[in-house]
ModelCIF file with pLDDT and N, C-alpha, C, O atoms, coordinates in Angstrom:
data_MODEL
#
_entry.id   MODEL 
#
_entity.id                         1 
_entity.type                       polymer 
_entity.pdbx_number_of_molecules   1 
#
_entity_poly.entity_id                      1 
_entity_poly.type                           'polypeptide(L)' 
_entity_poly.nstd_linkage                   no 
_entity_poly.nstd_monomer                   no 
_entity_poly.pdbx_seq_one_letter_code       AAITSSGSSTYYPNSVKGRFAVSRDTAKNTVSLQMNSLMPEDTGIY 
_entity_poly.pdbx_seq_one_letter_code_can   AAITSSGSSTYYPNSVKGRFAVSRDTAKNTVSLQMNSLMPEDTGIY 
_entity_poly.pdbx_strand_id                 A 
#
loop_
_entity_poly_seq.entity_id 
_entity_poly_seq.num 
_entity_poly_seq.mon_id 
_entity_poly_seq.hetero 
1 1  ALA n 
1 2  ALA n 
1 3  ILE n 
1 4  THR n 
1 5  SER n 
1 6  SER n 
1 7  GLY n 
1 8  SER n 
1 9  SER n 
1 10 THR n 
1 11 TYR n 
1 12 TYR n 
1 13 PRO n 
1 14 ASN n 
1 15 SER n 
1 16 VAL n 
1 17 LYS n 
1 18 GLY n 
1 19 ARG n 
1 20 PHE n 
1 21 ALA n 
1 22 VAL n 
1 23 SER n 
1 24 ARG n 
1 25 ASP n 
1 26 THR n 
1 27 ALA n 
1 28 LYS n 
1 29 ASN n 
1 30 THR n 
1 31 VAL n 
1 32 SER n 
1 33 LEU n 
1 34 GLN n 
1 35 MET n 
1 36 ASN n 
1 37 SER n 
1 38 LEU n 
1 39 MET n 
1 40 PRO n 
1 41 GLU n 
1 42 ASP n 
1 43 THR n 
1 44 GLY n 
1 45 ILE n 
1 46 TYR n 
#
_struct_asym.id          A 
_struct_asym.entity_id   1 
#
loop_
_ma_qa_metric.id 
_ma_qa_metric.mode 
_ma_qa_metric.name 
_ma_qa_metric.software_group_id 
_ma_qa_metric.type 
1 global pLDDT . pLDDT 
2 local  pLDDT . pLDDT 
#
_ma_qa_metric_global.metric_id      1 
_ma_qa_metric_global.metric_value   96.65 
_ma_qa_metric_global.model_id       1 
_ma_qa_metric_global.ordinal_id     1 
#
loop_
_ma_qa_metric_local.label_asym_id 
_ma_qa_metric_local.label_comp_id 
_ma_qa_metric_local.label_seq_id 
_ma_qa_metric_local.metric_id 
_ma_qa_metric_local.metric_value 
_ma_qa_metric_local.model_id 
_ma_qa_metric_local.ordinal_id 
A ALA 1  2 98.00 1 1  
A ALA 2  2 97.00 1 2  
A ILE 3  2 96.00 1 3  
A THR 4  2 95.00 1 4  
A SER 5  2 94.00 1 5  
A SER 6  2 93.00 1 6  
A GLY 7  2 92.00 1 7  
A SER 8  2 93.00 1 8  
A SER 9  2 95.00 1 9  
A THR 10 2 97.00 1 10 
A TYR 11 2 97.00 1 11 
A TYR 12 2 97.00 1 12 
A PRO 13 2 97.00 1 13 
A ASN 14 2 97.00 1 14 
A SER 15 2 97.00 1 15 
A VAL 16 2 98.00 1 16 
A LYS 17 2 97.00 1 17 
A GLY 18 2 97.00 1 18 
A ARG 19 2 98.00 1 19 
A PHE 20 2 98.00 1 20 
A ALA 21 2 98.00 1 21 
A VAL 22 2 98.00 1 22 
A SER 23 2 97.00 1 23 
A ARG 24 2 95.00 1 24 
A ASP 25 2 95.00 1 25 
A THR 26 2 93.00 1 26 
A ALA 27 2 94.00 1 27 
A LYS 28 2 95.00 1 28 
A ASN 29 2 95.00 1 29 
A THR 30 2 97.00 1 30 
A VAL 31 2 98.00 1 31 
A SER 32 2 98.00 1 32 
A LEU 33 2 98.00 1 33 
A GLN 34 2 98.00 1 34 
A MET 35 2 98.00 1 35 
A ASN 36 2 98.00 1 36 
A SER 37 2 98.00 1 37 
A LEU 38 2 98.00 1 38 
A MET 39 2 98.00 1 39 
A PRO 40 2 97.00 1 40 
A GLU 41 2 97.00 1 41 
A ASP 42 2 98.00 1 42 
A THR 43 2 98.00 1 43 
A GLY 44 2 98.00 1 44 
A ILE 45 2 98.00 1 45 
A TYR 46 2 98.00 1 46 
#
loop_
_atom_site.group_PDB 
_atom_site.id 
_atom_site.type_symbol 
_atom_site.label_atom_id 
_atom_site.label_alt_id 
_atom_site.label_comp_id 
_atom_site.label_asym_id 
_atom_site.label_entity_id 
_atom_site.label_seq_id 
_atom_site.pdbx_PDB_ins_code 
_atom_site.Cartn_x 
_atom_site.Cartn_y 
_atom_site.Cartn_z 
_atom_site.occupancy 
_atom_site.B_iso_or_equiv 
_atom_site.pdbx_formal_charge 
_atom_site.auth_seq_id 
_atom_site.auth_comp_id 
_atom_site.auth_asym_id 
_atom_site.auth_atom_id 
_atom_site.pdbx_PDB_model_num 
ATOM 1   N N  . ALA A 1 1  ? 0.930   -1.143  0.122  1.00 98.00 ? 1  ALA A N  1 
ATOM 2   C CA . ALA A 1 1  ? 0.039   0.099   0.153  1.00 98.00 ? 1  ALA A CA 1 
ATOM 3   C C  . ALA A 1 1  ? 0.896   1.305   0.013  1.00 98.00 ? 1  ALA A C  1 
ATOM 4   O O  . ALA A 1 1  ? 2.047   1.329   0.450  1.00 98.00 ? 1  ALA A O  1 
ATOM 5   N N  . ALA A 1 2  ? 0.314   2.342   -0.618 1.00 97.00 ? 2  ALA A N  1 
ATOM 6   C CA . ALA A 1 2  ? 1.084   3.627   -0.560 1.00 97.00 ? 2  ALA A CA 1 
ATOM 7   C C  . ALA A 1 2  ? 0.137   4.690   -0.334 1.00 97.00 ? 2  ALA A C  1 
ATOM 8   O O  . ALA A 1 2  ? -0.999  4.471   -0.754 1.00 97.00 ? 2  ALA A O  1 
ATOM 9   N N  . ILE A 1 3  ? 0.366   5.866   0.275  1.00 96.00 ? 3  ILE A N  1 
ATOM 10  C CA . ILE A 1 3  ? -0.222  7.072   0.181  1.00 96.00 ? 3  ILE A CA 1 
ATOM 11  C C  . ILE A 1 3  ? 0.718   8.211   0.041  1.00 96.00 ? 3  ILE A C  1 
ATOM 12  O O  . ILE A 1 3  ? 1.740   8.349   0.713  1.00 96.00 ? 3  ILE A O  1 
ATOM 13  N N  . THR A 1 4  ? 0.276   9.052   -0.924 1.00 95.00 ? 4  THR A N  1 
ATOM 14  C CA . THR A 1 4  ? 1.215   10.211  -1.383 1.00 95.00 ? 4  THR A CA 1 
ATOM 15  C C  . THR A 1 4  ? 1.305   11.254  -0.090 1.00 95.00 ? 4  THR A C  1 
ATOM 16  O O  . THR A 1 4  ? 0.613   11.243  0.928  1.00 95.00 ? 4  THR A O  1 
ATOM 17  N N  . SER A 1 5  ? 2.149   11.963  -0.379 1.00 94.00 ? 5  SER A N  1 
ATOM 18  C CA . SER A 1 5  ? 2.588   13.227  0.614  1.00 94.00 ? 5  SER A CA 1 
ATOM 19  C C  . SER A 1 5  ? 1.547   14.029  0.955  1.00 94.00 ? 5  SER A C  1 
ATOM 20  O O  . SER A 1 5  ? 1.466   14.345  2.142  1.00 94.00 ? 5  SER A O  1 
ATOM 21  N N  . SER A 1 6  ? 0.562   14.516  0.034  1.00 93.00 ? 6  SER A N  1 
ATOM 22  C CA . SER A 1 6  ? -0.575  15.163  -0.086 1.00 93.00 ? 6  SER A CA 1 
ATOM 23  C C  . SER A 1 6  ? -1.742  14.245  0.788  1.00 93.00 ? 6  SER A C  1 
ATOM 24  O O  . SER A 1 6  ? -2.679  14.856  1.302  1.00 93.00 ? 6  SER A O  1 
ATOM 25  N N  . GLY A 1 7  ? -1.664  13.048  0.904  1.00 92.00 ? 7  GLY A N  1 
ATOM 26  C CA . GLY A 1 7  ? -2.661  12.482  1.531  1.00 92.00 ? 7  GLY A CA 1 
ATOM 27  C C  . GLY A 1 7  ? -3.843  12.129  0.656  1.00 92.00 ? 7  GLY A C  1 
ATOM 28  O O  . GLY A 1 7  ? -4.708  11.350  1.057  1.00 92.00 ? 7  GLY A O  1 
ATOM 29  N N  . SER A 1 8  ? -3.883  12.671  -0.482 1.00 93.00 ? 8  SER A N  1 
ATOM 30  C CA . SER A 1 8  ? -5.038  12.624  -1.538 1.00 93.00 ? 8  SER A CA 1 
ATOM 31  C C  . SER A 1 8  ? -5.142  11.288  -1.995 1.00 93.00 ? 8  SER A C  1 
ATOM 32  O O  . SER A 1 8  ? -6.267  10.812  -2.154 1.00 93.00 ? 8  SER A O  1 
ATOM 33  N N  . SER A 1 9  ? -4.166  10.638  -2.221 1.00 95.00 ? 9  SER A N  1 
ATOM 34  C CA . SER A 1 9  ? -4.177  9.169   -3.050 1.00 95.00 ? 9  SER A CA 1 
ATOM 35  C C  . SER A 1 9  ? -3.892  8.212   -2.396 1.00 95.00 ? 9  SER A C  1 
ATOM 36  O O  . SER A 1 9  ? -3.236  8.417   -1.375 1.00 95.00 ? 9  SER A O  1 
ATOM 37  N N  . THR A 1 10 ? -4.235  6.989   -2.703 1.00 97.00 ? 10 THR A N  1 
ATOM 38  C CA . THR A 1 10 ? -3.735  5.738   -2.127 1.00 97.00 ? 10 THR A CA 1 
ATOM 39  C C  . THR A 1 10 ? -3.762  4.688   -3.209 1.00 97.00 ? 10 THR A C  1 
ATOM 40  O O  . THR A 1 10 ? -4.560  4.713   -4.146 1.00 97.00 ? 10 THR A O  1 
ATOM 41  N N  . TYR A 1 11 ? -2.833  3.756   -3.023 1.00 97.00 ? 11 TYR A N  1 
ATOM 42  C CA . TYR A 1 11 ? -2.668  2.844   -3.998 1.00 97.00 ? 11 TYR A CA 1 
ATOM 43  C C  . TYR A 1 11 ? -2.395  1.344   -3.410 1.00 97.00 ? 11 TYR A C  1 
ATOM 44  O O  . TYR A 1 11 ? -1.820  1.217   -2.329 1.00 97.00 ? 11 TYR A O  1 
ATOM 45  N N  . TYR A 1 12 ? -2.849  0.170   -4.196 1.00 97.00 ? 12 TYR A N  1 
ATOM 46  C CA . TYR A 1 12 ? -2.726  -1.120  -3.485 1.00 97.00 ? 12 TYR A CA 1 
ATOM 47  C C  . TYR A 1 12 ? -2.577  -1.885  -4.835 1.00 97.00 ? 12 TYR A C  1 
ATOM 48  O O  . TYR A 1 12 ? -2.944  -1.547  -5.961 1.00 97.00 ? 12 TYR A O  1 
ATOM 49  N N  . PRO A 1 13 ? -1.923  -3.036  -4.401 1.00 97.00 ? 13 PRO A N  1 
ATOM 50  C CA . PRO A 1 13 ? -2.003  -3.947  -5.672 1.00 97.00 ? 13 PRO A CA 1 
ATOM 51  C C  . PRO A 1 13 ? -3.278  -4.945  -5.446 1.00 97.00 ? 13 PRO A C  1 
ATOM 52  O O  . PRO A 1 13 ? -3.879  -4.979  -4.373 1.00 97.00 ? 13 PRO A O  1 
ATOM 53  N N  . ASN A 1 14 ? -3.576  -5.635  -6.407 1.00 97.00 ? 14 ASN A N  1 
ATOM 54  C CA . ASN A 1 14 ? -4.895  -6.364  -6.554 1.00 97.00 ? 14 ASN A CA 1 
ATOM 55  C C  . ASN A 1 14 ? -4.881  -7.327  -5.275 1.00 97.00 ? 14 ASN A C  1 
ATOM 56  O O  . ASN A 1 14 ? -5.916  -7.634  -4.684 1.00 97.00 ? 14 ASN A O  1 
ATOM 57  N N  . SER A 1 15 ? -3.688  -7.743  -4.930 1.00 97.00 ? 15 SER A N  1 
ATOM 58  C CA . SER A 1 15 ? -3.895  -8.827  -4.008 1.00 97.00 ? 15 SER A CA 1 
ATOM 59  C C  . SER A 1 15 ? -4.283  -8.313  -2.538 1.00 97.00 ? 15 SER A C  1 
ATOM 60  O O  . SER A 1 15 ? -4.476  -9.151  -1.657 1.00 97.00 ? 15 SER A O  1 
ATOM 61  N N  . VAL A 1 16 ? -4.393  -6.999  -2.278 1.00 98.00 ? 16 VAL A N  1 
ATOM 62  C CA . VAL A 1 16 ? -4.880  -6.766  -0.922 1.00 98.00 ? 16 VAL A CA 1 
ATOM 63  C C  . VAL A 1 16 ? -6.053  -5.620  -1.043 1.00 98.00 ? 16 VAL A C  1 
ATOM 64  O O  . VAL A 1 16 ? -6.676  -5.167  -0.082 1.00 98.00 ? 16 VAL A O  1 
ATOM 65  N N  . LYS A 1 17 ? -6.222  -5.256  -2.374 1.00 97.00 ? 17 LYS A N  1 
ATOM 66  C CA . LYS A 1 17 ? -7.249  -4.106  -2.578 1.00 97.00 ? 17 LYS A CA 1 
ATOM 67  C C  . LYS A 1 17 ? -8.525  -4.439  -2.110 1.00 97.00 ? 17 LYS A C  1 
ATOM 68  O O  . LYS A 1 17 ? -8.913  -5.532  -2.521 1.00 97.00 ? 17 LYS A O  1 
ATOM 69  N N  . GLY A 1 18 ? -9.329  -3.810  -1.346 1.00 97.00 ? 18 GLY A N  1 
ATOM 70  C CA . GLY A 1 18 ? -10.517 -3.954  -0.789 1.00 97.00 ? 18 GLY A CA 1 
ATOM 71  C C  . GLY A 1 18 ? -10.402 -4.687  0.514  1.00 97.00 ? 18 GLY A C  1 
ATOM 72  O O  . GLY A 1 18 ? -11.439 -5.041  1.076  1.00 97.00 ? 18 GLY A O  1 
ATOM 73  N N  . ARG A 1 19 ? -9.191  -4.953  1.061  1.00 98.00 ? 19 ARG A N  1 
ATOM 74  C CA . ARG A 1 19 ? -9.223  -5.423  2.376  1.00 98.00 ? 19 ARG A CA 1 
ATOM 75  C C  . ARG A 1 19 ? -8.207  -4.827  3.204  1.00 98.00 ? 19 ARG A C  1 
ATOM 76  O O  . ARG A 1 19 ? -8.267  -4.925  4.429  1.00 98.00 ? 19 ARG A O  1 
ATOM 77  N N  . PHE A 1 20 ? -7.184  -4.153  2.558  1.00 98.00 ? 20 PHE A N  1 
ATOM 78  C CA . PHE A 1 20 ? -6.378  -3.270  3.366  1.00 98.00 ? 20 PHE A CA 1 
ATOM 79  C C  . PHE A 1 20 ? -6.483  -1.764  2.869  1.00 98.00 ? 20 PHE A C  1 
ATOM 80  O O  . PHE A 1 20 ? -6.686  -1.393  1.713  1.00 98.00 ? 20 PHE A O  1 
ATOM 81  N N  . ALA A 1 21 ? -6.303  -0.992  3.983  1.00 98.00 ? 21 ALA A N  1 
ATOM 82  C CA . ALA A 1 21 ? -6.719  0.552   3.853  1.00 98.00 ? 21 ALA A CA 1 
ATOM 83  C C  . ALA A 1 21 ? -5.452  1.151   4.589  1.00 98.00 ? 21 ALA A C  1 
ATOM 84  O O  . ALA A 1 21 ? -5.222  0.847   5.759  1.00 98.00 ? 21 ALA A O  1 
ATOM 85  N N  . VAL A 1 22 ? -4.537  2.113   3.791  1.00 98.00 ? 22 VAL A N  1 
ATOM 86  C CA . VAL A 1 22 ? -3.373  2.913   4.377  1.00 98.00 ? 22 VAL A CA 1 
ATOM 87  C C  . VAL A 1 22 ? -4.091  4.208   4.713  1.00 98.00 ? 22 VAL A C  1 
ATOM 88  O O  . VAL A 1 22 ? -4.949  4.717   3.991  1.00 98.00 ? 22 VAL A O  1 
ATOM 89  N N  . SER A 1 23 ? -3.634  4.735   5.965  1.00 97.00 ? 23 SER A N  1 
ATOM 90  C CA . SER A 1 23 ? -4.120  6.167   6.366  1.00 97.00 ? 23 SER A CA 1 
ATOM 91  C C  . SER A 1 23 ? -3.104  6.900   7.258  1.00 97.00 ? 23 SER A C  1 
ATOM 92  O O  . SER A 1 23 ? -2.248  6.292   7.900  1.00 97.00 ? 23 SER A O  1 
ATOM 93  N N  . ARG A 1 24 ? -3.243  8.238   7.263  1.00 95.00 ? 24 ARG A N  1 
ATOM 94  C CA . ARG A 1 24 ? -1.878  8.916   7.965  1.00 95.00 ? 24 ARG A CA 1 
ATOM 95  C C  . ARG A 1 24 ? -2.713  9.777   8.741  1.00 95.00 ? 24 ARG A C  1 
ATOM 96  O O  . ARG A 1 24 ? -3.886  10.025  8.460  1.00 95.00 ? 24 ARG A O  1 
ATOM 97  N N  . ASP A 1 25 ? -1.966  10.314  9.915  1.00 95.00 ? 25 ASP A N  1 
ATOM 98  C CA . ASP A 1 25 ? -2.429  11.318  10.883 1.00 95.00 ? 25 ASP A CA 1 
ATOM 99  C C  . ASP A 1 25 ? -0.999  12.353  10.912 1.00 95.00 ? 25 ASP A C  1 
ATOM 100 O O  . ASP A 1 25 ? -0.017  12.146  11.624 1.00 95.00 ? 25 ASP A O  1 
ATOM 101 N N  . THR A 1 26 ? -1.161  13.443  9.997  1.00 93.00 ? 26 THR A N  1 
ATOM 102 C CA . THR A 1 26 ? -0.243  14.264  10.042 1.00 93.00 ? 26 THR A CA 1 
ATOM 103 C C  . THR A 1 26 ? 0.288   14.953  11.549 1.00 93.00 ? 26 THR A C  1 
ATOM 104 O O  . THR A 1 26 ? 1.465   15.169  11.837 1.00 93.00 ? 26 THR A O  1 
ATOM 105 N N  . ALA A 1 27 ? -0.773  15.199  12.318 1.00 94.00 ? 27 ALA A N  1 
ATOM 106 C CA . ALA A 1 27 ? -0.675  15.736  13.812 1.00 94.00 ? 27 ALA A CA 1 
ATOM 107 C C  . ALA A 1 27 ? 0.084   14.625  14.520 1.00 94.00 ? 27 ALA A C  1 
ATOM 108 O O  . ALA A 1 27 ? 0.899   14.936  15.388 1.00 94.00 ? 27 ALA A O  1 
ATOM 109 N N  . LYS A 1 28 ? -0.136  13.302  14.195 1.00 95.00 ? 28 LYS A N  1 
ATOM 110 C CA . LYS A 1 28 ? 0.617   12.396  15.011 1.00 95.00 ? 28 LYS A CA 1 
ATOM 111 C C  . LYS A 1 28 ? 1.848   11.838  14.385 1.00 95.00 ? 28 LYS A C  1 
ATOM 112 O O  . LYS A 1 28 ? 2.575   11.046  14.984 1.00 95.00 ? 28 LYS A O  1 
ATOM 113 N N  . ASN A 1 29 ? 2.109   12.319  13.001 1.00 95.00 ? 29 ASN A N  1 
ATOM 114 C CA . ASN A 1 29 ? 3.244   11.739  12.262 1.00 95.00 ? 29 ASN A CA 1 
ATOM 115 C C  . ASN A 1 29 ? 3.277   10.311  12.134 1.00 95.00 ? 29 ASN A C  1 
ATOM 116 O O  . ASN A 1 29 ? 4.319   9.663   12.223 1.00 95.00 ? 29 ASN A O  1 
ATOM 117 N N  . THR A 1 30 ? 1.913   9.713   11.884 1.00 97.00 ? 30 THR A N  1 
ATOM 118 C CA . THR A 1 30 ? 1.977   8.419   11.762 1.00 97.00 ? 30 THR A CA 1 
ATOM 119 C C  . THR A 1 30 ? 1.296   8.003   10.640 1.00 97.00 ? 30 THR A C  1 
ATOM 120 O O  . THR A 1 30 ? 0.482   8.754   10.103 1.00 97.00 ? 30 THR A O  1 
ATOM 121 N N  . VAL A 1 31 ? 1.550   6.784   10.175 1.00 98.00 ? 31 VAL A N  1 
ATOM 122 C CA . VAL A 1 31 ? 0.871   5.920   9.077  1.00 98.00 ? 31 VAL A CA 1 
ATOM 123 C C  . VAL A 1 31 ? 0.363   4.704   9.520  1.00 98.00 ? 31 VAL A C  1 
ATOM 124 O O  . VAL A 1 31 ? 0.999   4.053   10.348 1.00 98.00 ? 31 VAL A O  1 
ATOM 125 N N  . SER A 1 32 ? -0.632  4.335   9.106  1.00 98.00 ? 32 SER A N  1 
ATOM 126 C CA . SER A 1 32 ? -1.394  3.045   9.664  1.00 98.00 ? 32 SER A CA 1 
ATOM 127 C C  . SER A 1 32 ? -1.642  2.245   8.500  1.00 98.00 ? 32 SER A C  1 
ATOM 128 O O  . SER A 1 32 ? -1.769  2.772   7.394  1.00 98.00 ? 32 SER A O  1 
ATOM 129 N N  . LEU A 1 33 ? -1.728  0.824   8.702  1.00 98.00 ? 33 LEU A N  1 
ATOM 130 C CA . LEU A 1 33 ? -2.419  -0.070  7.551  1.00 98.00 ? 33 LEU A CA 1 
ATOM 131 C C  . LEU A 1 33 ? -3.396  -0.761  8.455  1.00 98.00 ? 33 LEU A C  1 
ATOM 132 O O  . LEU A 1 33 ? -3.144  -1.322  9.521  1.00 98.00 ? 33 LEU A O  1 
ATOM 133 N N  . GLN A 1 34 ? -4.322  -0.654  7.973  1.00 98.00 ? 34 GLN A N  1 
ATOM 134 C CA . GLN A 1 34 ? -5.760  -1.577  8.465  1.00 98.00 ? 34 GLN A CA 1 
ATOM 135 C C  . GLN A 1 34 ? -5.764  -2.567  7.571  1.00 98.00 ? 34 GLN A C  1 
ATOM 136 O O  . GLN A 1 34 ? -5.866  -2.331  6.367  1.00 98.00 ? 34 GLN A O  1 
ATOM 137 N N  . MET A 1 35 ? -5.641  -3.947  8.125  1.00 98.00 ? 35 MET A N  1 
ATOM 138 C CA . MET A 1 35 ? -5.912  -5.162  7.384  1.00 98.00 ? 35 MET A CA 1 
ATOM 139 C C  . MET A 1 35 ? -7.129  -5.929  7.679  1.00 98.00 ? 35 MET A C  1 
ATOM 140 O O  . MET A 1 35 ? -7.126  -6.524  8.757  1.00 98.00 ? 35 MET A O  1 
ATOM 141 N N  . ASN A 1 36 ? -8.059  -6.022  7.014  1.00 98.00 ? 36 ASN A N  1 
ATOM 142 C CA . ASN A 1 36 ? -9.023  -6.852  7.332  1.00 98.00 ? 36 ASN A CA 1 
ATOM 143 C C  . ASN A 1 36 ? -9.177  -8.162  6.218  1.00 98.00 ? 36 ASN A C  1 
ATOM 144 O O  . ASN A 1 36 ? -8.664  -8.259  5.103  1.00 98.00 ? 36 ASN A O  1 
ATOM 145 N N  . SER A 1 37 ? -10.029 -9.081  6.905  1.00 98.00 ? 37 SER A N  1 
ATOM 146 C CA . SER A 1 37 ? -9.926  -10.318 6.223  1.00 98.00 ? 37 SER A CA 1 
ATOM 147 C C  . SER A 1 37 ? -8.821  -11.051 5.578  1.00 98.00 ? 37 SER A C  1 
ATOM 148 O O  . SER A 1 37 ? -8.684  -11.585 4.477  1.00 98.00 ? 37 SER A O  1 
ATOM 149 N N  . LEU A 1 38 ? -7.893  -10.866 6.877  1.00 98.00 ? 38 LEU A N  1 
ATOM 150 C CA . LEU A 1 38 ? -6.710  -11.583 6.617  1.00 98.00 ? 38 LEU A CA 1 
ATOM 151 C C  . LEU A 1 38 ? -6.748  -13.167 6.101  1.00 98.00 ? 38 LEU A C  1 
ATOM 152 O O  . LEU A 1 38 ? -7.572  -14.054 6.323  1.00 98.00 ? 38 LEU A O  1 
ATOM 153 N N  . MET A 1 39 ? -5.648  -13.161 5.404  1.00 98.00 ? 39 MET A N  1 
ATOM 154 C CA . MET A 1 39 ? -5.579  -14.578 4.737  1.00 98.00 ? 39 MET A CA 1 
ATOM 155 C C  . MET A 1 39 ? -4.057  -15.227 4.937  1.00 98.00 ? 39 MET A C  1 
ATOM 156 O O  . MET A 1 39 ? -3.042  -14.531 4.914  1.00 98.00 ? 39 MET A O  1 
ATOM 157 N N  . PRO A 1 40 ? -4.060  -16.435 5.105  1.00 97.00 ? 40 PRO A N  1 
ATOM 158 C CA . PRO A 1 40 ? -2.575  -17.117 5.401  1.00 97.00 ? 40 PRO A CA 1 
ATOM 159 C C  . PRO A 1 40 ? -1.492  -16.402 4.444  1.00 97.00 ? 40 PRO A C  1 
ATOM 160 O O  . PRO A 1 40 ? -0.375  -16.082 4.851  1.00 97.00 ? 40 PRO A O  1 
ATOM 161 N N  . GLU A 1 41 ? -1.948  -16.186 3.117  1.00 97.00 ? 41 GLU A N  1 
ATOM 162 C CA . GLU A 1 41 ? -0.808  -15.746 2.224  1.00 97.00 ? 41 GLU A CA 1 
ATOM 163 C C  . GLU A 1 41 ? -0.411  -14.300 2.611  1.00 97.00 ? 41 GLU A C  1 
ATOM 164 O O  . GLU A 1 41 ? 0.458   -13.717 1.963  1.00 97.00 ? 41 GLU A O  1 
ATOM 165 N N  . ASP A 1 42 ? -1.011  -13.737 3.618  1.00 98.00 ? 42 ASP A N  1 
ATOM 166 C CA . ASP A 1 42 ? -0.725  -12.350 4.086  1.00 98.00 ? 42 ASP A CA 1 
ATOM 167 C C  . ASP A 1 42 ? 0.378   -12.421 5.050  1.00 98.00 ? 42 ASP A C  1 
ATOM 168 O O  . ASP A 1 42 ? 0.872   -11.376 5.473  1.00 98.00 ? 42 ASP A O  1 
ATOM 169 N N  . THR A 1 43 ? 0.756   -13.442 5.390  1.00 98.00 ? 43 THR A N  1 
ATOM 170 C CA . THR A 1 43 ? 1.648   -13.711 6.244  1.00 98.00 ? 43 THR A CA 1 
ATOM 171 C C  . THR A 1 43 ? 3.357   -13.270 5.637  1.00 98.00 ? 43 THR A C  1 
ATOM 172 O O  . THR A 1 43 ? 3.880   -13.577 4.566  1.00 98.00 ? 43 THR A O  1 
ATOM 173 N N  . GLY A 1 44 ? 3.808   -12.608 6.569  1.00 98.00 ? 44 GLY A N  1 
ATOM 174 C CA . GLY A 1 44 ? 5.219   -11.888 6.214  1.00 98.00 ? 44 GLY A CA 1 
ATOM 175 C C  . GLY A 1 44 ? 5.604   -11.068 7.412  1.00 98.00 ? 44 GLY A C  1 
ATOM 176 O O  . GLY A 1 44 ? 4.974   -10.902 8.457  1.00 98.00 ? 44 GLY A O  1 
ATOM 177 N N  . ILE A 1 45 ? 6.878   -10.546 7.009  1.00 98.00 ? 45 ILE A N  1 
ATOM 178 C CA . ILE A 1 45 ? 7.267   -9.236  7.859  1.00 98.00 ? 45 ILE A CA 1 
ATOM 179 C C  . ILE A 1 45 ? 6.765   -7.949  7.081  1.00 98.00 ? 45 ILE A C  1 
ATOM 180 O O  . ILE A 1 45 ? 7.041   -7.741  5.900  1.00 98.00 ? 45 ILE A O  1 
ATOM 181 N N  . TYR A 1 46 ? 6.055   -7.172  7.813  1.00 98.00 ? 46 TYR A N  1 
ATOM 182 C CA . TYR A 1 46 ? 5.690   -6.033  6.954  1.00 98.00 ? 46 TYR A CA 1 
ATOM 183 C C  . TYR A 1 46 ? 6.666   -4.575  7.650  1.00 98.00 ? 46 TYR A C  1 
ATOM 184 O O  . TYR A 1 46 ? 6.568   -3.463  7.132  1.00 98.00 ? 46 TYR A O  1 
#
C-alpha cells in the first residue's frame, strides 16, 4: 500500500485491494495499515 505526501491518493495491488487500507495522521506523524479479512498468504514481515 502507498499514500502520497499530499494524502489525497492511495494505491494497492490487486492482492490486497478492498481488504487493506492505508491512512495517515499528520498531527501524530503516523501512517497506519488496517488489514481486514486476513488470509494465510498475507503472512510475512511488514
